[in-house]
Amino acid sequence: MNSGSVTVLASSSRTIATGTWYSLSLAVSGSTINGSVNGTAIGSAASSVSAGGRVGLQTAYASAGFDDVAVNTGGGSTPTTPPPTTTPPPSGGQPTWPSATGSISLSNGTIAVSGTYDGGMKRVCCIGDGGQSESQDPVFDLAAGATLKNVIIGAPAGDGVHCAGNCRLENVWWEDVGEDAATFLGGTNYYVVGGGAKSGTDKVFQHNRPGTVHISGFYAQSSGKLYRACGNCSSSYQRHVVMDNIWATSTKVLAGINTNWGDTARFTNINILNDSSRSTVICDKYKGVPKGSEPDHIGSGADGVNCLYSASDITWR
């Protein structure tokens, strides 16, 4: 990665087993880079930008644990620290609803957040009328780059949380979603990590602008759609959602996207509770339309293009 631009120098596919450690290494000599897994070479490439910079580890549409990351710049042998004896961190079990440690009144209206707001698991309440009006004020208004964490949002919750740009919602719980739990209004990447929401009559997360919403470790209860890419906003964009380690009960649809605009939805480690008839829809497809019209529903289910998952990614409990 150079100045935000990613160039894939080499790639390799292999079968791996969850709960197993693998040794990954890169050997850089001048402009030559060699990669290996468990001591076996998997790829080689050349890059003129490798003379300086920092190391990094990244996953896409998956989670992993990394331990004993070492950099050897002395020209000696590769470190031989054995892999940890413990298993990698689990992806997480079913979330449990937390208890509030106190309360915060919204007597002064919407709370504006720039930077990080840590609520200490207090209940923040109340605003709006609990209905579906989009004209209600939000409980929190997050500036670009802001983080909201450790908060229970009570009812009525107005229009939930507004993200003006990239934002992170960490361990945020909505006791009763009003219009939307959160609306993503600008930016490129938005992260919902942990937390949960109840009673999102229409939807929980509304994605209005471009970019990708990443939802992981989330618990959805008694809701319509967990995620909806806007199908009739004033401007049309390509939007994406990535869901991992999701737990849902009495929720009709996990994601609704607009295939004519190139939207995608990816799912891994999805857990559907108390649905013996398997009526929960994982991915709904729509044809997005201009503002003022209603998008047409054109299908459901995995297709390898827009709705991306396999049967093994879904567990019916």
Protein backbone atom coordinates (compact mmCIF):
# COMPACT_ATOMS: atom_id res chain seq x y z
CA MET A 1 0.00 0.00 0.00
CA ASN A 2 1.47 3.33 -1.06
CA SER A 3 -0.31 6.58 -0.15
CA GLY A 4 -3.62 4.74 0.13
CA SER A 5 -3.26 2.95 -3.20
CA VAL A 6 -3.17 -0.85 -3.01
CA THR A 7 -1.26 -2.91 -5.57
CA VAL A 8 -1.38 -6.71 -5.39
CA LEU A 9 2.14 -7.97 -6.16
CA ALA A 10 1.33 -11.67 -5.85
CA SER A 11 -1.41 -13.90 -4.47
CA SER A 12 -1.96 -17.52 -3.57
CA SER A 13 -4.94 -19.70 -2.63
CA ARG A 14 -4.80 -22.57 -0.20
CA THR A 15 -7.10 -24.52 2.09
CA ILE A 16 -6.76 -23.69 5.78
CA ALA A 17 -8.33 -25.03 8.94
CA THR A 18 -9.95 -22.77 11.52
CA GLY A 19 -8.35 -22.95 14.95
CA THR A 20 -4.93 -23.66 13.45
CA TRP A 21 -1.84 -21.42 13.47
CA TYR A 22 0.14 -20.78 10.28
CA SER A 23 3.54 -19.12 9.96
CA LEU A 24 3.55 -16.32 7.37
CA SER A 25 6.74 -14.61 6.23
CA LEU A 26 7.98 -12.05 3.71
CA ALA A 27 11.63 -11.79 2.75
CA VAL A 28 12.56 -8.44 1.18
CA SER A 29 15.89 -7.98 -0.60
CA GLY A 30 16.21 -4.79 -2.60
CA SER A 31 13.20 -4.73 -4.90
CA THR A 32 12.54 -8.48 -4.63
CA ILE A 33 9.88 -9.83 -2.26
CA ASN A 34 9.31 -13.52 -1.52
CA GLY A 35 6.38 -14.85 0.50
CA SER A 36 5.98 -18.19 2.25
CA VAL A 37 3.53 -20.09 4.46
CA ASN A 38 4.92 -22.58 6.97
CA GLY A 39 8.29 -22.34 5.20
CA THR A 40 6.91 -23.14 1.74
CA ALA A 41 7.31 -20.47 -0.94
CA ILE A 42 3.97 -19.25 -2.34
CA GLY A 43 4.86 -16.18 -4.41
CA SER A 44 7.55 -13.79 -5.57
CA ALA A 45 7.40 -10.28 -7.00
CA ALA A 46 9.35 -7.09 -7.47
CA SER A 47 8.42 -3.62 -6.23
CA SER A 48 10.35 -0.37 -6.30
CA VAL A 49 8.45 1.00 -3.27
CA SER A 50 9.69 -1.63 -0.80
CA ALA A 51 12.82 0.24 0.30
CA GLY A 52 10.98 1.88 3.21
CA GLY A 53 7.73 1.91 5.13
CA ARG A 54 6.01 -0.18 7.79
CA VAL A 55 4.67 -3.71 8.06
CA GLY A 56 0.97 -4.46 8.36
CA LEU A 57 -1.44 -7.40 8.54
CA GLN A 58 -4.93 -7.28 7.10
CA THR A 59 -7.92 -9.55 6.51
CA ALA A 60 -10.83 -9.14 4.12
CA TYR A 61 -14.31 -10.61 4.73
CA ALA A 62 -12.84 -12.76 7.54
CA SER A 63 -11.31 -12.51 11.00
CA ALA A 64 -7.99 -13.83 12.22
CA GLY A 65 -5.59 -13.61 15.16
CA PHE A 66 -1.93 -12.64 14.70
CA ASP A 67 0.73 -13.31 17.31
CA ASP A 68 4.52 -12.88 17.54
CA VAL A 69 4.84 -10.45 14.64
CA ALA A 70 8.59 -9.86 14.20
CA VAL A 71 10.73 -7.84 11.80
CA ASN A 72 14.35 -8.87 11.23
CA THR A 73 16.40 -6.11 9.58
CA GLY A 74 19.84 -7.47 10.42
CA GLY A 75 20.15 -9.86 7.52
CA GLY A 76 20.14 -12.88 9.80
CA SER A 77 17.90 -15.91 9.78
CA THR A 78 14.14 -15.68 10.12
CA PRO A 79 12.97 -15.75 13.78
CA THR A 80 11.94 -19.25 14.80
CA THR A 81 9.55 -18.49 17.67
CA PRO A 82 7.14 -21.43 17.84
CA PRO A 83 3.44 -20.73 17.34
CA PRO A 84 1.36 -20.11 20.47
CA THR A 85 0.03 -23.16 22.26
CA THR A 86 -3.40 -21.59 22.64
CA THR A 87 -5.98 -21.61 19.88
CA PRO A 88 -6.62 -18.39 17.94
CA PRO A 89 -9.29 -16.05 19.31
CA PRO A 90 -12.82 -17.33 18.57
CA SER A 91 -15.11 -15.35 16.33
CA GLY A 92 -17.52 -14.92 19.23
CA GLY A 93 -20.67 -16.52 20.56
CA GLN A 94 -24.17 -15.17 20.88
CA PRO A 95 -24.10 -11.64 22.35
CA THR A 96 -26.04 -10.98 25.54
CA TRP A 97 -28.01 -7.83 26.23
CA PRO A 98 -26.20 -5.59 28.75
CA SER A 99 -27.56 -3.79 31.80
CA ALA A 100 -27.22 -0.03 32.07
CA THR A 101 -24.77 1.37 34.62
CA GLY A 102 -26.62 4.68 34.86
CA SER A 103 -28.48 7.21 32.73
CA ILE A 104 -27.77 10.31 30.66
CA SER A 105 -30.57 12.74 29.83
CA LEU A 106 -30.97 14.36 26.45
CA SER A 107 -32.44 17.52 27.96
CA ASN A 108 -30.19 19.58 25.69
CA GLY A 109 -31.04 17.59 22.58
CA THR A 110 -28.73 15.76 20.17
CA ILE A 111 -25.22 14.99 21.42
CA ALA A 112 -22.58 16.05 18.89
CA VAL A 113 -19.49 13.83 18.85
CA SER A 114 -16.07 14.71 17.46
CA GLY A 115 -13.37 12.22 18.36
CA THR A 116 -14.43 9.44 20.75
CA TYR A 117 -17.48 9.31 23.03
CA ASP A 118 -17.39 6.51 25.63
CA GLY A 119 -20.71 6.24 27.44
CA GLY A 120 -19.53 3.77 30.08
CA MET A 121 -22.58 1.59 29.32
CA LYS A 122 -25.02 4.27 30.52
CA ARG A 123 -28.48 4.57 28.98
CA VAL A 124 -28.91 7.72 26.89
CA CYS A 125 -32.52 8.83 26.45
CA CYS A 126 -34.80 10.24 25.01
CA ILE A 127 -35.64 12.09 21.79
CA GLY A 128 -38.40 11.94 19.16
CA ASP A 129 -41.71 10.12 19.28
CA GLY A 130 -40.63 6.55 18.53
CA GLY A 131 -42.29 6.63 15.11
CA GLN A 132 -41.01 6.31 11.55
CA SER A 133 -40.72 9.99 10.70
CA GLU A 134 -37.38 10.80 9.07
CA SER A 135 -37.61 14.39 10.35
CA GLN A 136 -36.75 13.36 13.92
CA ASP A 137 -33.45 14.47 15.42
CA PRO A 138 -30.76 11.86 16.12
CA VAL A 139 -29.55 10.95 19.60
CA PHE A 140 -25.93 11.26 18.44
CA ASP A 141 -24.52 13.25 15.54
CA LEU A 142 -21.04 11.93 14.70
CA ALA A 143 -18.53 14.05 12.83
CA ALA A 144 -16.30 12.41 10.23
CA GLY A 145 -13.85 10.03 11.91
CA ALA A 146 -15.76 9.89 15.21
CA THR A 147 -16.20 6.82 17.42
CA LEU A 148 -19.22 6.07 19.62
CA LYS A 149 -18.72 3.26 22.13
CA ASN A 150 -20.21 1.57 25.19
CA VAL A 151 -23.66 3.16 25.03
CA ILE A 152 -27.22 1.92 25.51
CA ILE A 153 -29.69 4.07 23.57
CA GLY A 154 -33.11 4.10 25.21
CA ALA A 155 -36.54 4.67 23.70
CA PRO A 156 -37.73 6.79 22.07
CA ALA A 157 -34.50 7.06 20.09
CA GLY A 158 -35.49 9.50 17.35
CA ASP A 159 -33.38 8.94 14.25
CA GLY A 160 -30.72 7.07 16.19
CA VAL A 161 -27.15 7.89 15.19
CA HIS A 162 -26.04 9.99 12.22
CA CYS A 163 -22.56 9.46 10.76
CA ALA A 164 -21.47 12.50 8.73
CA GLY A 165 -18.41 10.60 7.45
CA ASN A 166 -16.37 7.53 8.32
CA CYS A 167 -17.39 6.40 11.79
CA ARG A 168 -17.08 3.53 14.25
CA LEU A 169 -19.94 2.27 16.45
CA GLU A 170 -18.51 -0.05 19.07
CA ASN A 171 -20.64 -1.92 21.62
CA VAL A 172 -23.68 0.31 21.00
CA TRP A 173 -27.11 -1.10 21.93
CA TRP A 174 -30.52 0.20 20.84
CA GLU A 175 -33.35 -0.86 23.16
CA ASP A 176 -36.02 0.14 20.63
CA VAL A 177 -35.05 1.41 17.18
CA GLY A 178 -37.19 4.37 16.15
CA GLU A 179 -36.75 5.38 12.52
CA ASP A 180 -33.24 3.92 12.09
CA ALA A 181 -30.57 2.83 14.55
CA ALA A 182 -27.88 4.54 12.45
CA THR A 183 -27.74 6.36 9.13
CA PHE A 184 -24.49 6.58 7.16
CA LEU A 185 -24.50 9.94 5.42
CA GLY A 186 -20.95 10.36 4.13
CA GLY A 187 -17.55 8.71 3.96
CA THR A 188 -16.16 5.48 2.58
CA ASN A 189 -15.96 2.97 5.46
CA TYR A 190 -18.21 2.61 8.48
CA TYR A 191 -17.72 0.03 11.23
CA VAL A 192 -20.33 -1.47 13.55
CA VAL A 193 -18.48 -3.69 16.03
CA GLY A 194 -20.51 -5.56 18.64
CA GLY A 195 -23.75 -4.27 20.09
CA GLY A 196 -27.33 -5.00 19.13
CA ALA A 197 -30.74 -3.56 18.33
CA LYS A 198 -34.36 -4.42 19.03
CA SER A 199 -37.57 -3.52 17.22
CA GLY A 200 -36.29 -1.94 14.04
CA THR A 201 -39.75 -1.99 12.48
CA ASP A 202 -38.48 -1.02 9.03
CA LYS A 203 -34.69 -1.31 9.18
CA VAL A 204 -31.77 -1.02 11.57
CA PHE A 205 -28.96 0.48 9.46
CA GLN A 206 -29.62 2.90 6.60
CA HIS A 207 -26.81 3.45 4.07
CA ASN A 208 -27.35 6.62 2.05
CA ARG A 209 -23.92 7.54 0.72
CA PRO A 210 -21.25 5.43 -1.05
CA GLY A 211 -18.71 3.15 0.60
CA THR A 212 -18.82 0.00 2.73
CA VAL A 213 -20.58 -0.75 6.01
CA HIS A 214 -18.77 -3.41 8.06
CA ILE A 215 -21.00 -5.11 10.66
CA SER A 216 -19.51 -7.71 13.01
CA GLY A 217 -20.50 -9.33 16.29
CA PHE A 218 -23.98 -7.77 16.13
CA TYR A 219 -27.27 -9.02 17.61
CA ALA A 220 -30.52 -8.11 15.77
CA GLN A 221 -33.90 -8.82 17.37
CA SER A 222 -37.46 -8.37 16.10
CA SER A 223 -36.61 -6.17 13.15
CA GLY A 224 -37.41 -5.73 9.47
CA LYS A 225 -34.07 -5.36 7.68
CA LEU A 226 -30.73 -5.28 9.46
CA TYR A 227 -29.22 -3.26 6.59
CA ARG A 228 -30.65 -1.35 3.63
CA ALA A 229 -28.73 0.38 0.88
CA CYS A 230 -30.93 3.32 -0.01
CA GLY A 231 -32.92 2.56 -3.13
CA ASN A 232 -34.43 6.00 -3.77
CA CYS A 233 -32.17 8.67 -2.31
CA SER A 234 -31.59 11.96 -4.10
CA SER A 235 -28.25 10.61 -5.42
CA SER A 236 -27.45 7.07 -6.56
CA TYR A 237 -24.25 5.34 -5.44
CA GLN A 238 -22.63 1.94 -5.41
CA ARG A 239 -22.79 0.65 -1.83
CA HIS A 240 -21.44 -2.42 -0.06
CA VAL A 241 -22.02 -4.23 3.22
CA VAL A 242 -19.88 -6.90 4.88
CA MET A 243 -21.45 -8.94 7.70
CA ASP A 244 -19.56 -11.35 9.94
CA ASN A 245 -20.55 -13.08 13.19
CA ILE A 246 -24.16 -11.87 13.05
CA TRP A 247 -26.87 -13.19 15.36
CA ALA A 248 -30.47 -12.54 14.34
CA THR A 249 -33.82 -13.59 15.75
CA SER A 250 -37.27 -12.59 14.46
CA THR A 251 -35.59 -10.46 11.80
CA LYS A 252 -37.08 -10.65 8.32
CA VAL A 253 -34.11 -9.68 6.12
CA LEU A 254 -30.40 -9.24 6.80
CA ALA A 255 -29.55 -7.02 3.83
CA GLY A 256 -31.36 -5.22 1.03
CA ILE A 257 -29.21 -3.97 -1.88
CA ASN A 258 -29.65 -2.42 -5.34
CA THR A 259 -28.09 -4.65 -7.96
CA ASN A 260 -28.53 -2.18 -10.82
CA TRP A 261 -26.11 0.16 -9.05
CA GLY A 262 -23.54 -2.56 -8.41
CA ASP A 263 -24.19 -2.99 -4.67
CA THR A 264 -22.78 -6.07 -2.95
CA ALA A 265 -23.48 -7.85 0.34
CA ARG A 266 -21.05 -10.41 1.79
CA PHE A 267 -21.91 -12.75 4.65
CA THR A 268 -19.80 -15.02 6.87
CA ASN A 269 -20.59 -16.72 10.18
CA ILE A 270 -24.29 -15.82 10.16
CA ASN A 271 -26.44 -17.29 12.94
CA ILE A 272 -30.23 -17.32 12.57
CA LEU A 273 -32.08 -18.16 15.78
CA ASN A 274 -35.51 -19.70 16.35
CA ASP A 275 -36.44 -19.97 12.66
CA SER A 276 -37.33 -23.59 12.01
CA SER A 277 -39.07 -22.66 8.74
CA ARG A 278 -35.96 -20.80 7.53
CA SER A 279 -38.06 -17.83 6.49
CA THR A 280 -35.37 -15.25 7.23
CA VAL A 281 -34.07 -13.75 3.98
CA ILE A 282 -30.31 -13.35 3.91
CA CYS A 283 -30.08 -11.02 0.92
CA ASP A 284 -32.85 -9.14 -0.90
CA LYS A 285 -32.21 -7.58 -4.31
CA TYR A 286 -33.86 -4.41 -5.60
CA LYS A 287 -33.76 -2.14 -8.62
CA GLY A 288 -32.84 1.30 -7.36
CA VAL A 289 -34.92 4.23 -8.61
CA PRO A 290 -34.87 8.06 -8.49
CA LYS A 291 -36.09 9.89 -5.42
CA GLY A 292 -39.87 9.96 -5.21
CA SER A 293 -40.35 6.42 -6.56
CA GLU A 294 -40.30 3.08 -4.79
CA PRO A 295 -37.59 0.51 -5.70
CA ASP A 296 -38.77 -2.77 -7.19
CA HIS A 297 -37.93 -6.04 -5.45
CA ILE A 298 -36.33 -8.28 -8.09
CA GLY A 299 -35.14 -11.34 -6.19
CA SER A 300 -33.42 -12.89 -3.20
CA GLY A 301 -30.57 -15.24 -2.41
CA ALA A 302 -26.93 -15.86 -3.22
CA ASP A 303 -25.88 -15.23 -6.82
CA GLY A 304 -22.08 -14.99 -6.71
CA VAL A 305 -22.18 -11.41 -7.99
CA ASN A 306 -24.14 -9.15 -5.65
CA CYS A 307 -25.27 -11.43 -2.82
CA LEU A 308 -22.15 -13.28 -1.78
CA TYR A 309 -22.38 -16.26 0.58
CA SER A 310 -22.65 -20.02 0.60
CA ALA A 311 -24.83 -22.42 2.59
CA SER A 312 -21.94 -23.06 4.99
CA ASP A 313 -21.88 -19.36 5.93
CA ILE A 314 -25.38 -19.61 7.44
CA THR A 315 -26.20 -21.54 10.61
CA TRP A 316 -29.85 -22.07 11.50
CA ARG A 317 -30.16 -22.55 15.27
